[in-house]
Amino acid sequence: MDLPVEIRSHAEELLRRFCEARVPAHAAEKVRLLFKVRGQTITLLEERPHYQKPLLWTLSEVAQFRYAKGTGLWTLYCRDRNRKWWRFTPEPPSRDLADLIRAVDRDDTHIFWG
């Protein structure tokens, strides 16, 4: 099931602004942030040049935001070293996706940005 159109539009705008603000212009050739939407899930991705093949860019999954249509709540997920997603329990689900984006940006536990 897909995100409702207005919810998706708002989420894409929030994440677009976050991605643009997080990477300064002078670093654009070294790191990019983007996101993909699949169903009711949005995955935040980081793209960097491969360390041995700089012309080849590699993607890393940073965080995942999942929307529950029944409750109208967004939930934040983090990924472990085995690429399994886990609910990020320090941050409660929220009706406002911006709350969860701020949690990823702050990264108090260093789980998202290392």
PDB file of N, CA and C in Angstrom:
ATOM      1  N   MET A   1       0.839  -1.171   0.000  1.00  0.00           N
ATOM      2  CA  MET A   1       0.000   0.000   0.000  1.00  0.00           C
ATOM      3  C   MET A   1       0.890   1.242   0.000  1.00  0.00           C
ATOM      4  N   ASP A   2       0.554   2.218  -0.826  1.00  0.00           N
ATOM      5  CA  ASP A   2       1.343   3.438  -0.951  1.00  0.00           C
ATOM      6  C   ASP A   2       0.932   4.493   0.064  1.00  0.00           C
ATOM      7  N   LEU A   3       1.836   5.435   0.270  1.00  0.00           N
ATOM      8  CA  LEU A   3       1.537   6.577   1.135  1.00  0.00           C
ATOM      9  C   LEU A   3       0.440   7.420   0.485  1.00  0.00           C
ATOM     10  N   PRO A   4      -0.468   7.982   1.291  1.00  0.00           N
ATOM     11  CA  PRO A   4      -1.433   8.933   0.731  1.00  0.00           C
ATOM     12  C   PRO A   4      -0.672  10.097   0.065  1.00  0.00           C
ATOM     13  N   VAL A   5      -1.193  10.602  -1.032  1.00  0.00           N
ATOM     14  CA  VAL A   5      -0.502  11.609  -1.845  1.00  0.00           C
ATOM     15  C   VAL A   5      -0.042  12.815  -1.035  1.00  0.00           C
ATOM     16  N   GLU A   6      -0.913  13.366  -0.194  1.00  0.00           N
ATOM     17  CA  GLU A   6      -0.532  14.568   0.554  1.00  0.00           C
ATOM     18  C   GLU A   6       0.540  14.265   1.604  1.00  0.00           C
ATOM     19  N   ILE A   7       0.469  13.083   2.202  1.00  0.00           N
ATOM     20  CA  ILE A   7       1.487  12.670   3.185  1.00  0.00           C
ATOM     21  C   ILE A   7       2.825  12.483   2.474  1.00  0.00           C
ATOM     22  N   ARG A   8       2.791  11.834   1.336  1.00  0.00           N
ATOM     23  CA  ARG A   8       4.023  11.601   0.570  1.00  0.00           C
ATOM     24  C   ARG A   8       4.656  12.920   0.112  1.00  0.00           C
ATOM     25  N   SER A   9       3.851  13.821  -0.411  1.00  0.00           N
ATOM     26  CA  SER A   9       4.369  15.114  -0.878  1.00  0.00           C
ATOM     27  C   SER A   9       5.050  15.874   0.253  1.00  0.00           C
ATOM     28  N   HIS A  10       4.398  15.908   1.398  1.00  0.00           N
ATOM     29  CA  HIS A  10       4.958  16.607   2.561  1.00  0.00           C
ATOM     30  C   HIS A  10       6.263  15.936   3.014  1.00  0.00           C
ATOM     31  N   ALA A  11       6.269  14.612   3.074  1.00  0.00           N
ATOM     32  CA  ALA A  11       7.467  13.872   3.494  1.00  0.00           C
ATOM     33  C   ALA A  11       8.615  14.101   2.517  1.00  0.00           C
ATOM     34  N   GLU A  12       8.332  14.066   1.225  1.00  0.00           N
ATOM     35  CA  GLU A  12       9.380  14.292   0.231  1.00  0.00           C
ATOM     36  C   GLU A  12       9.962  15.698   0.344  1.00  0.00           C
ATOM     37  N   GLU A  13       9.114  16.676   0.601  1.00  0.00           N
ATOM     38  CA  GLU A  13       9.601  18.051   0.756  1.00  0.00           C
ATOM     39  C   GLU A  13      10.498  18.169   1.990  1.00  0.00           C
ATOM     40  N   LEU A  14      10.074  17.596   3.110  1.00  0.00           N
ATOM     41  CA  LEU A  14      10.901  17.630   4.330  1.00  0.00           C
ATOM     42  C   LEU A  14      12.259  16.972   4.104  1.00  0.00           C
ATOM     43  N   LEU A  15      12.244  15.815   3.484  1.00  0.00           N
ATOM     44  CA  LEU A  15      13.498  15.089   3.262  1.00  0.00           C
ATOM     45  C   LEU A  15      14.369  15.761   2.212  1.00  0.00           C
ATOM     46  N   ARG A  16      13.780  16.341   1.201  1.00  0.00           N
ATOM     47  CA  ARG A  16      14.547  17.073   0.187  1.00  0.00           C
ATOM     48  C   ARG A  16      15.300  18.232   0.852  1.00  0.00           C
ATOM     49  N   ARG A  17      14.588  18.983   1.689  1.00  0.00           N
ATOM     50  CA  ARG A  17      15.232  20.110   2.391  1.00  0.00           C
ATOM     51  C   ARG A  17      16.330  19.615   3.322  1.00  0.00           C
ATOM     52  N   PHE A  18      16.068  18.515   4.035  1.00  0.00           N
ATOM     53  CA  PHE A  18      17.067  17.960   4.949  1.00  0.00           C
ATOM     54  C   PHE A  18      18.321  17.548   4.186  1.00  0.00           C
ATOM     55  N   CYS A  19      18.144  16.825   3.092  1.00  0.00           N
ATOM     56  CA  CYS A  19      19.291  16.351   2.306  1.00  0.00           C
ATOM     57  C   CYS A  19      20.115  17.521   1.768  1.00  0.00           C
ATOM     58  N   GLU A  20      19.457  18.553   1.288  1.00  0.00           N
ATOM     59  CA  GLU A  20      20.162  19.730   0.767  1.00  0.00           C
ATOM     60  C   GLU A  20      20.925  20.460   1.863  1.00  0.00           C
ATOM     61  N   ALA A  21      20.316  20.581   3.033  1.00  0.00           N
ATOM     62  CA  ALA A  21      20.939  21.320   4.135  1.00  0.00           C
ATOM     63  C   ALA A  21      22.070  20.534   4.799  1.00  0.00           C
ATOM     64  N   ARG A  22      21.976  19.234   4.813  1.00  0.00           N
ATOM     65  CA  ARG A  22      22.950  18.396   5.531  1.00  0.00           C
ATOM     66  C   ARG A  22      24.310  18.346   4.831  1.00  0.00           C
ATOM     67  N   VAL A  23      24.314  18.422   3.503  1.00  0.00           N
ATOM     68  CA  VAL A  23      25.568  18.346   2.748  1.00  0.00           C
ATOM     69  C   VAL A  23      25.907  19.730   2.204  1.00  0.00           C
ATOM     70  N   PRO A  24      26.987  20.342   2.704  1.00  0.00           N
ATOM     71  CA  PRO A  24      27.380  21.662   2.198  1.00  0.00           C
ATOM     72  C   PRO A  24      27.841  21.569   0.739  1.00  0.00           C
ATOM     73  N   ALA A  25      27.710  22.642   0.010  1.00  0.00           N
ATOM     74  CA  ALA A  25      28.032  22.669  -1.418  1.00  0.00           C
ATOM     75  C   ALA A  25      29.456  22.188  -1.697  1.00  0.00           C
ATOM     76  N   HIS A  26      30.399  22.556  -0.846  1.00  0.00           N
ATOM     77  CA  HIS A  26      31.793  22.173  -1.096  1.00  0.00           C
ATOM     78  C   HIS A  26      32.028  20.663  -0.954  1.00  0.00           C
ATOM     79  N   ALA A  27      31.097  19.941  -0.363  1.00  0.00           N
ATOM     80  CA  ALA A  27      31.247  18.493  -0.170  1.00  0.00           C
ATOM     81  C   ALA A  27      30.441  17.671  -1.173  1.00  0.00           C
ATOM     82  N   ALA A  28      29.767  18.326  -2.094  1.00  0.00           N
ATOM     83  CA  ALA A  28      28.865  17.637  -3.019  1.00  0.00           C
ATOM     84  C   ALA A  28      29.561  16.591  -3.882  1.00  0.00           C
ATOM     85  N   GLU A  29      30.852  16.727  -4.113  1.00  0.00           N
ATOM     86  CA  GLU A  29      31.574  15.737  -4.909  1.00  0.00           C
ATOM     87  C   GLU A  29      32.061  14.568  -4.058  1.00  0.00           C
ATOM     88  N   LYS A  30      31.844  14.660  -2.728  1.00  0.00           N
ATOM     89  CA  LYS A  30      32.316  13.615  -1.823  1.00  0.00           C
ATOM     90  C   LYS A  30      31.185  12.841  -1.154  1.00  0.00           C
ATOM     91  N   VAL A  31      30.028  13.451  -1.058  1.00  0.00           N
ATOM     92  CA  VAL A  31      28.898  12.785  -0.401  1.00  0.00           C
ATOM     93  C   VAL A  31      27.586  13.380  -0.919  1.00  0.00           C
ATOM     94  N   ARG A  32      26.604  12.521  -1.067  1.00  0.00           N
ATOM     95  CA  ARG A  32      25.253  12.949  -1.460  1.00  0.00           C
ATOM     96  C   ARG A  32      24.263  12.242  -0.547  1.00  0.00           C
ATOM     97  N   LEU A  33      23.191  12.916  -0.242  1.00  0.00           N
ATOM     98  CA  LEU A  33      22.085  12.297   0.492  1.00  0.00           C
ATOM     99  C   LEU A  33      20.877  12.273  -0.421  1.00  0.00           C
ATOM    100  N   LEU A  34      20.173  11.171  -0.395  1.00  0.00           N
ATOM    101  CA  LEU A  34      18.952  11.034  -1.164  1.00  0.00           C
ATOM    102  C   LEU A  34      18.025  10.088  -0.424  1.00  0.00           C
ATOM    103  N   PHE A  35      16.863   9.884  -0.967  1.00  0.00           N
ATOM    104  CA  PHE A  35      15.903   8.989  -0.322  1.00  0.00           C
ATOM    105  C   PHE A  35      15.085   8.289  -1.387  1.00  0.00           C
ATOM    106  N   LYS A  36      14.538   7.149  -0.998  1.00  0.00           N
ATOM    107  CA  LYS A  36      13.639   6.431  -1.898  1.00  0.00           C
ATOM    108  C   LYS A  36      12.371   6.085  -1.134  1.00  0.00           C
ATOM    109  N   VAL A  37      11.277   6.098  -1.843  1.00  0.00           N
ATOM    110  CA  VAL A  37       9.972   5.782  -1.266  1.00  0.00           C
ATOM    111  C   VAL A  37       9.519   4.452  -1.849  1.00  0.00           C
ATOM    112  N   ARG A  38       9.117   3.577  -0.962  1.00  0.00           N
ATOM    113  CA  ARG A  38       8.574   2.277  -1.391  1.00  0.00           C
ATOM    114  C   ARG A  38       7.402   1.949  -0.470  1.00  0.00           C
ATOM    115  N   GLY A  39       6.219   1.943  -1.036  1.00  0.00           N
ATOM    116  CA  GLY A  39       5.029   1.689  -0.230  1.00  0.00           C
ATOM    117  C   GLY A  39       4.854   2.783   0.812  1.00  0.00           C
ATOM    118  N   GLN A  40       4.851   2.399   2.076  1.00  0.00           N
ATOM    119  CA  GLN A  40       4.694   3.356   3.179  1.00  0.00           C
ATOM    120  C   GLN A  40       6.014   3.559   3.925  1.00  0.00           C
ATOM    121  N   THR A  41       7.118   3.257   3.228  1.00  0.00           N
ATOM    122  CA  THR A  41       8.440   3.355   3.830  1.00  0.00           C
ATOM    123  C   THR A  41       9.313   4.291   3.012  1.00  0.00           C
ATOM    124  N   ILE A  42      10.041   5.153   3.719  1.00  0.00           N
ATOM    125  CA  ILE A  42      11.016   6.029   3.074  1.00  0.00           C
ATOM    126  C   ILE A  42      12.378   5.704   3.665  1.00  0.00           C
ATOM    127  N   THR A  43      13.338   5.420   2.784  1.00  0.00           N
ATOM    128  CA  THR A  43      14.685   5.083   3.222  1.00  0.00           C
ATOM    129  C   THR A  43      15.621   6.226   2.862  1.00  0.00           C
ATOM    130  N   LEU A  44      16.348   6.716   3.857  1.00  0.00           N
ATOM    131  CA  LEU A  44      17.355   7.753   3.667  1.00  0.00           C
ATOM    132  C   LEU A  44      18.661   7.067   3.288  1.00  0.00           C
ATOM    133  N   LEU A  45      19.299   7.545   2.225  1.00  0.00           N
ATOM    134  CA  LEU A  45      20.509   6.921   1.691  1.00  0.00           C
ATOM    135  C   LEU A  45      21.647   7.928   1.630  1.00  0.00           C
ATOM    136  N   GLU A  46      22.853   7.419   1.819  1.00  0.00           N
ATOM    137  CA  GLU A  46      24.062   8.218   1.656  1.00  0.00           C
ATOM    138  C   GLU A  46      24.845   7.615   0.497  1.00  0.00           C
ATOM    139  N   GLU A  47      25.309   8.469  -0.388  1.00  0.00           N
ATOM    140  CA  GLU A  47      26.063   8.020  -1.551  1.00  0.00           C
ATOM    141  C   GLU A  47      27.455   8.652  -1.502  1.00  0.00           C
ATOM    142  N   ARG A  48      28.483   7.827  -1.672  1.00  0.00           N
ATOM    143  CA  ARG A  48      29.875   8.287  -1.653  1.00  0.00           C
ATOM    144  C   ARG A  48      30.655   7.582  -2.757  1.00  0.00           C
ATOM    145  N   PRO A  49      31.740   8.218  -3.221  1.00  0.00           N
ATOM    146  CA  PRO A  49      32.597   7.517  -4.185  1.00  0.00           C
ATOM    147  C   PRO A  49      33.222   6.284  -3.537  1.00  0.00           C
ATOM    148  N   HIS A  50      33.316   5.214  -4.297  1.00  0.00           N
ATOM    149  CA  HIS A  50      33.961   3.997  -3.818  1.00  0.00           C
ATOM    150  C   HIS A  50      35.423   4.308  -3.518  1.00  0.00           C
ATOM    151  N   TYR A  51      35.943   3.781  -2.425  1.00  0.00           N
ATOM    152  CA  TYR A  51      37.298   4.140  -2.001  1.00  0.00           C
ATOM    153  C   TYR A  51      38.376   3.651  -2.977  1.00  0.00           C
ATOM    154  N   GLN A  52      38.131   2.586  -3.721  1.00  0.00           N
ATOM    155  CA  GLN A  52      39.120   2.101  -4.686  1.00  0.00           C
ATOM    156  C   GLN A  52      38.804   2.536  -6.116  1.00  0.00           C
ATOM    157  N   LYS A  53      37.536   2.824  -6.376  1.00  0.00           N
ATOM    158  CA  LYS A  53      37.110   3.242  -7.714  1.00  0.00           C
ATOM    159  C   LYS A  53      36.306   4.527  -7.578  1.00  0.00           C
ATOM    160  N   PRO A  54      36.973   5.673  -7.468  1.00  0.00           N
ATOM    161  CA  PRO A  54      36.286   6.939  -7.169  1.00  0.00           C
ATOM    162  C   PRO A  54      35.206   7.351  -8.165  1.00  0.00           C
ATOM    163  N   LEU A  55      35.242   6.818  -9.375  1.00  0.00           N
ATOM    164  CA  LEU A  55      34.192   7.163 -10.335  1.00  0.00           C
ATOM    165  C   LEU A  55      32.905   6.379 -10.092  1.00  0.00           C
ATOM    166  N   LEU A  56      33.003   5.335  -9.280  1.00  0.00           N
ATOM    167  CA  LEU A  56      31.851   4.509  -8.926  1.00  0.00           C
ATOM    168  C   LEU A  56      31.324   4.951  -7.565  1.00  0.00           C
ATOM    169  N   TRP A  57      30.062   5.313  -7.509  1.00  0.00           N
ATOM    170  CA  TRP A  57      29.456   5.752  -6.243  1.00  0.00           C
ATOM    171  C   TRP A  57      28.745   4.573  -5.589  1.00  0.00           C
ATOM    172  N   THR A  58      28.859   4.476  -4.261  1.00  0.00           N
ATOM    173  CA  THR A  58      28.208   3.399  -3.514  1.00  0.00           C
ATOM    174  C   THR A  58      27.129   3.980  -2.606  1.00  0.00           C
ATOM    175  N   LEU A  59      26.071   3.213  -2.405  1.00  0.00           N
ATOM    176  CA  LEU A  59      24.953   3.636  -1.561  1.00  0.00           C
ATOM    177  C   LEU A  59      24.996   2.925  -0.222  1.00  0.00           C
ATOM    178  N   SER A  60      24.698   3.669   0.831  1.00  0.00           N
ATOM    179  CA  SER A  60      24.533   3.096   2.170  1.00  0.00           C
ATOM    180  C   SER A  60      23.185   3.543   2.706  1.00  0.00           C
ATOM    181  N   GLU A  61      22.473   2.625   3.326  1.00  0.00           N
ATOM    182  CA  GLU A  61      21.191   2.970   3.944  1.00  0.00           C
ATOM    183  C   GLU A  61      21.465   3.562   5.317  1.00  0.00           C
ATOM    184  N   VAL A  62      20.917   4.734   5.586  1.00  0.00           N
ATOM    185  CA  VAL A  62      21.173   5.462   6.832  1.00  0.00           C
ATOM    186  C   VAL A  62      20.049   5.251   7.839  1.00  0.00           C
ATOM    187  N   ALA A  63      18.826   5.474   7.403  1.00  0.00           N
ATOM    188  CA  ALA A  63      17.671   5.404   8.299  1.00  0.00           C
ATOM    189  C   ALA A  63      16.438   5.077   7.477  1.00  0.00           C
ATOM    190  N   GLN A  64      15.418   4.617   8.189  1.00  0.00           N
ATOM    191  CA  GLN A  64      14.160   4.307   7.531  1.00  0.00           C
ATOM    192  C   GLN A  64      13.015   4.895   8.345  1.00  0.00           C
ATOM    193  N   PHE A  65      12.067   5.475   7.631  1.00  0.00           N
ATOM    194  CA  PHE A  65      10.870   6.052   8.242  1.00  0.00           C
ATOM    195  C   PHE A  65       9.678   5.269   7.716  1.00  0.00           C
ATOM    196  N   ARG A  66       8.895   4.703   8.624  1.00  0.00           N
ATOM    197  CA  ARG A  66       7.734   3.902   8.220  1.00  0.00           C
ATOM    198  C   ARG A  66       6.456   4.567   8.717  1.00  0.00           C
ATOM    199  N   TYR A  67       5.513   4.672   7.825  1.00  0.00           N
ATOM    200  CA  TYR A  67       4.233   5.316   8.118  1.00  0.00           C
ATOM    201  C   TYR A  67       3.161   4.256   8.338  1.00  0.00           C
ATOM    202  N   ALA A  68       2.387   4.429   9.393  1.00  0.00           N
ATOM    203  CA  ALA A  68       1.254   3.545   9.675  1.00  0.00           C
ATOM    204  C   ALA A  68      -0.023   4.317   9.371  1.00  0.00           C
ATOM    205  N   LYS A  69      -0.664   3.956   8.293  1.00  0.00           N
ATOM    206  CA  LYS A  69      -1.867   4.677   7.851  1.00  0.00           C
ATOM    207  C   LYS A  69      -2.963   4.651   8.911  1.00  0.00           C
ATOM    208  N   GLY A  70      -3.111   3.550   9.620  1.00  0.00           N
ATOM    209  CA  GLY A  70      -4.166   3.405  10.623  1.00  0.00           C
ATOM    210  C   GLY A  70      -4.039   4.385  11.785  1.00  0.00           C
ATOM    211  N   THR A  71      -2.803   4.668  12.180  1.00  0.00           N
ATOM    212  CA  THR A  71      -2.578   5.562  13.334  1.00  0.00           C
ATOM    213  C   THR A  71      -2.108   6.949  12.917  1.00  0.00           C
ATOM    214  N   GLY A  72      -1.596   7.074  11.695  1.00  0.00           N
ATOM    215  CA  GLY A  72      -1.039   8.346  11.242  1.00  0.00           C
ATOM    216  C   GLY A  72       0.322   8.639  11.853  1.00  0.00           C
ATOM    217  N   LEU A  73       0.984   7.596  12.367  1.00  0.00           N
ATOM    218  CA  LEU A  73       2.280   7.774  13.031  1.00  0.00           C
ATOM    219  C   LEU A  73       3.434   7.320  12.142  1.00  0.00           C
ATOM    220  N   TRP A  74       4.535   8.060  12.221  1.00  0.00           N
ATOM    221  CA  TRP A  74       5.797   7.680  11.601  1.00  0.00           C
ATOM    222  C   TRP A  74       6.661   7.024  12.668  1.00  0.00           C
ATOM    223  N   THR A  75       7.403   5.978  12.287  1.00  0.00           N
ATOM    224  CA  THR A  75       8.319   5.298  13.193  1.00  0.00           C
ATOM    225  C   THR A  75       9.694   5.265  12.543  1.00  0.00           C
ATOM    226  N   LEU A  76      10.714   5.509  13.346  1.00  0.00           N
ATOM    227  CA  LEU A  76      12.093   5.552  12.873  1.00  0.00           C
ATOM    228  C   LEU A  76      12.772   4.203  13.086  1.00  0.00           C
ATOM    229  N   TYR A  77      13.499   3.766  12.071  1.00  0.00           N
ATOM    230  CA  TYR A  77      14.254   2.513  12.133  1.00  0.00           C
ATOM    231  C   TYR A  77      15.721   2.767  11.817  1.00  0.00           C
ATOM    232  N   CYS A  78      16.592   1.971  12.451  1.00  0.00           N
ATOM    233  CA  CYS A  78      18.025   2.008  12.168  1.00  0.00           C
ATOM    234  C   CYS A  78      18.440   0.617  11.690  1.00  0.00           C
ATOM    235  N   ARG A  79      19.585   0.555  11.048  1.00  0.00           N
ATOM    236  CA  ARG A  79      20.039  -0.709  10.476  1.00  0.00           C
ATOM    237  C   ARG A  79      21.254  -1.230  11.226  1.00  0.00           C
ATOM    238  N   ASP A  80      21.318  -2.532  11.416  1.00  0.00           N
ATOM    239  CA  ASP A  80      22.488  -3.108  12.077  1.00  0.00           C
ATOM    240  C   ASP A  80      23.518  -3.552  11.030  1.00  0.00           C
ATOM    241  N   ARG A  81      24.623  -4.089  11.487  1.00  0.00           N
ATOM    242  CA  ARG A  81      25.704  -4.473  10.579  1.00  0.00           C
ATOM    243  C   ARG A  81      25.320  -5.611   9.637  1.00  0.00           C
ATOM    244  N   ASN A  82      24.255  -6.343   9.983  1.00  0.00           N
ATOM    245  CA  ASN A  82      23.768  -7.419   9.126  1.00  0.00           C
ATOM    246  C   ASN A  82      22.676  -6.952   8.164  1.00  0.00           C
ATOM    247  N   ARG A  83      22.497  -5.650   8.096  1.00  0.00           N
ATOM    248  CA  ARG A  83      21.526  -5.000   7.213  1.00  0.00           C
ATOM    249  C   ARG A  83      20.077  -5.274   7.600  1.00  0.00           C
ATOM    250  N   LYS A  84      19.861  -5.598   8.855  1.00  0.00           N
ATOM    251  CA  LYS A  84      18.504  -5.806   9.366  1.00  0.00           C
ATOM    252  C   LYS A  84      18.029  -4.497  10.011  1.00  0.00           C
ATOM    253  N   TRP A  85      16.781  -4.137   9.760  1.00  0.00           N
ATOM    254  CA  TRP A  85      16.200  -2.908  10.311  1.00  0.00           C
ATOM    255  C   TRP A  85      15.587  -3.179  11.679  1.00  0.00           C
ATOM    256  N   TRP A  86      15.826  -2.252  12.607  1.00  0.00           N
ATOM    257  CA  TRP A  86      15.287  -2.317  13.968  1.00  0.00           C
ATOM    258  C   TRP A  86      14.642  -0.988  14.310  1.00  0.00           C
ATOM    259  N   ARG A  87      13.574  -1.054  15.062  1.00  0.00           N
ATOM    260  CA  ARG A  87      12.947   0.176  15.533  1.00  0.00           C
ATOM    261  C   ARG A  87      13.934   0.915  16.422  1.00  0.00           C
ATOM    262  N   PHE A  88      14.084   2.200  16.175  1.00  0.00           N
ATOM    263  CA  PHE A  88      14.982   3.040  16.965  1.00  0.00           C
ATOM    264  C   PHE A  88      14.204   3.479  18.207  1.00  0.00           C
ATOM    265  N   THR A  89      14.347   2.706  19.273  1.00  0.00           N
ATOM    266  CA  THR A  89      13.507   2.884  20.460  1.00  0.00           C
ATOM    267  C   THR A  89      13.730   4.178  21.243  1.00  0.00           C
ATOM    268  N   PRO A  90      14.907   4.824  21.186  1.00  0.00           N
ATOM    269  CA  PRO A  90      15.014   6.086  21.924  1.00  0.00           C
ATOM    270  C   PRO A  90      14.063   7.182  21.416  1.00  0.00           C
ATOM    271  N   GLU A  91      13.588   7.033  20.188  1.00  0.00           N
ATOM    272  CA  GLU A  91      12.707   8.054  19.608  1.00  0.00           C
ATOM    273  C   GLU A  91      11.319   7.447  19.419  1.00  0.00           C
ATOM    274  N   PRO A  92      10.311   7.971  20.112  1.00  0.00           N
ATOM    275  CA  PRO A  92       8.959   7.412  19.971  1.00  0.00           C
ATOM    276  C   PRO A  92       8.362   7.742  18.601  1.00  0.00           C
ATOM    277  N   PRO A  93       7.421   6.934  18.139  1.00  0.00           N
ATOM    278  CA  PRO A  93       6.718   7.265  16.896  1.00  0.00           C
ATOM    279  C   PRO A  93       6.082   8.655  17.016  1.00  0.00           C
ATOM    280  N   SER A  94       5.919   9.310  15.870  1.00  0.00           N
ATOM    281  CA  SER A  94       5.421  10.688  15.871  1.00  0.00           C
ATOM    282  C   SER A  94       4.514  10.924  14.677  1.00  0.00           C
ATOM    283  N   ARG A  95       3.546  11.798  14.864  1.00  0.00           N
ATOM    284  CA  ARG A  95       2.702  12.233  13.746  1.00  0.00           C
ATOM    285  C   ARG A  95       3.480  13.172  12.832  1.00  0.00           C
ATOM    286  N   ASP A  96       4.535  13.770  13.369  1.00  0.00           N
ATOM    287  CA  ASP A  96       5.329  14.749  12.626  1.00  0.00           C
ATOM    288  C   ASP A  96       6.651  14.113  12.203  1.00  0.00           C
ATOM    289  N   LEU A  97       6.789  13.842  10.924  1.00  0.00           N
ATOM    290  CA  LEU A  97       8.015  13.239  10.403  1.00  0.00           C
ATOM    291  C   LEU A  97       9.237  14.099  10.713  1.00  0.00           C
ATOM    292  N   ALA A  98       9.061  15.398  10.795  1.00  0.00           N
ATOM    293  CA  ALA A  98      10.182  16.306  11.090  1.00  0.00           C
ATOM    294  C   ALA A  98      10.847  15.961  12.422  1.00  0.00           C
ATOM    295  N   ASP A  99      10.072  15.490  13.403  1.00  0.00           N
ATOM    296  CA  ASP A  99      10.647  15.079  14.691  1.00  0.00           C
ATOM    297  C   ASP A  99      11.673  13.962  14.491  1.00  0.00           C
ATOM    298  N   LEU A 100      11.339  13.002  13.655  1.00  0.00           N
ATOM    299  CA  LEU A 100      12.219  11.856  13.433  1.00  0.00           C
ATOM    300  C   LEU A 100      13.424  12.237  12.574  1.00  0.00           C
ATOM    301  N   ILE A 101      13.218  13.127  11.633  1.00  0.00           N
ATOM    302  CA  ILE A 101      14.342  13.613  10.823  1.00  0.00           C
ATOM    303  C   ILE A 101      15.342  14.344  11.718  1.00  0.00           C
ATOM    304  N   ARG A 102      14.837  15.138  12.653  1.00  0.00           N
ATOM    305  CA  ARG A 102      15.733  15.832  13.602  1.00  0.00           C
ATOM    306  C   ARG A 102      16.509  14.829  14.454  1.00  0.00           C
ATOM    307  N   ALA A 103      15.880  13.725  14.833  1.00  0.00           N
ATOM    308  CA  ALA A 103      16.562  12.691  15.621  1.00  0.00           C
ATOM    309  C   ALA A 103      17.713  12.076  14.822  1.00  0.00           C
ATOM    310  N   VAL A 104      17.490  11.849  13.535  1.00  0.00           N
ATOM    311  CA  VAL A 104      18.553  11.318  12.679  1.00  0.00           C
ATOM    312  C   VAL A 104      19.672  12.349  12.552  1.00  0.00           C
ATOM    313  N   ASP A 105      19.308  13.585  12.380  1.00  0.00           N
ATOM    314  CA  ASP A 105      20.298  14.658  12.246  1.00  0.00           C
ATOM    315  C   ASP A 105      21.147  14.796  13.513  1.00  0.00           C
ATOM    316  N   ARG A 106      20.492  14.765  14.678  1.00  0.00           N
ATOM    317  CA  ARG A 106      21.211  14.855  15.968  1.00  0.00           C
ATOM    318  C   ARG A 106      22.088  13.636  16.198  1.00  0.00           C
ATOM    319  N   ASP A 107      21.528  12.478  15.931  1.00  0.00           N
ATOM    320  CA  ASP A 107      22.202  11.187  16.083  1.00  0.00           C
ATOM    321  C   ASP A 107      22.904  11.054  17.428  1.00  0.00           C
ATOM    322  N   ASP A 108      22.153  11.240  18.494  1.00  0.00           N
ATOM    323  CA  ASP A 108      22.704  11.167  19.856  1.00  0.00           C
ATOM    324  C   ASP A 108      23.422   9.857  20.161  1.00  0.00           C
ATOM    325  N   THR A 109      23.022   8.766  19.519  1.00  0.00           N
ATOM    326  CA  THR A 109      23.614   7.452  19.791  1.00  0.00           C
ATOM    327  C   THR A 109      24.702   7.071  18.777  1.00  0.00           C
ATOM    328  N   HIS A 110      24.885   7.881  17.759  1.00  0.00           N
ATOM    329  CA  HIS A 110      25.871   7.637  16.689  1.00  0.00           C
ATOM    330  C   HIS A 110      25.563   6.396  15.863  1.00  0.00           C
ATOM    331  N   ILE A 111      24.320   6.025  15.809  1.00  0.00           N
ATOM    332  CA  ILE A 111      23.946   4.826  15.053  1.00  0.00           C
ATOM    333  C   ILE A 111      23.690   5.138  13.572  1.00  0.00           C
ATOM    334  N   PHE A 112      23.323   6.367  13.268  1.00  0.00           N
ATOM    335  CA  PHE A 112      22.993   6.700  11.889  1.00  0.00           C
ATOM    336  C   PHE A 112      24.219   7.159  11.081  1.00  0.00           C
ATOM    337  N   TRP A 113      25.020   8.013  11.686  1.00  0.00           N
ATOM    338  CA  TRP A 113      26.154   8.607  10.955  1.00  0.00           C
ATOM    339  C   TRP A 113      27.508   8.069  11.426  1.00  0.00           C
ATOM    340  N   GLY A 114      27.503   7.145  12.384  1.00  0.00           N
ATOM    341  CA  GLY A 114      28.745   6.513  12.832  1.00  0.00           C
ATOM    342  C   GLY A 114      29.533   7.252  13.871  1.00  0.00           C
TER     343      GLY A 114
END
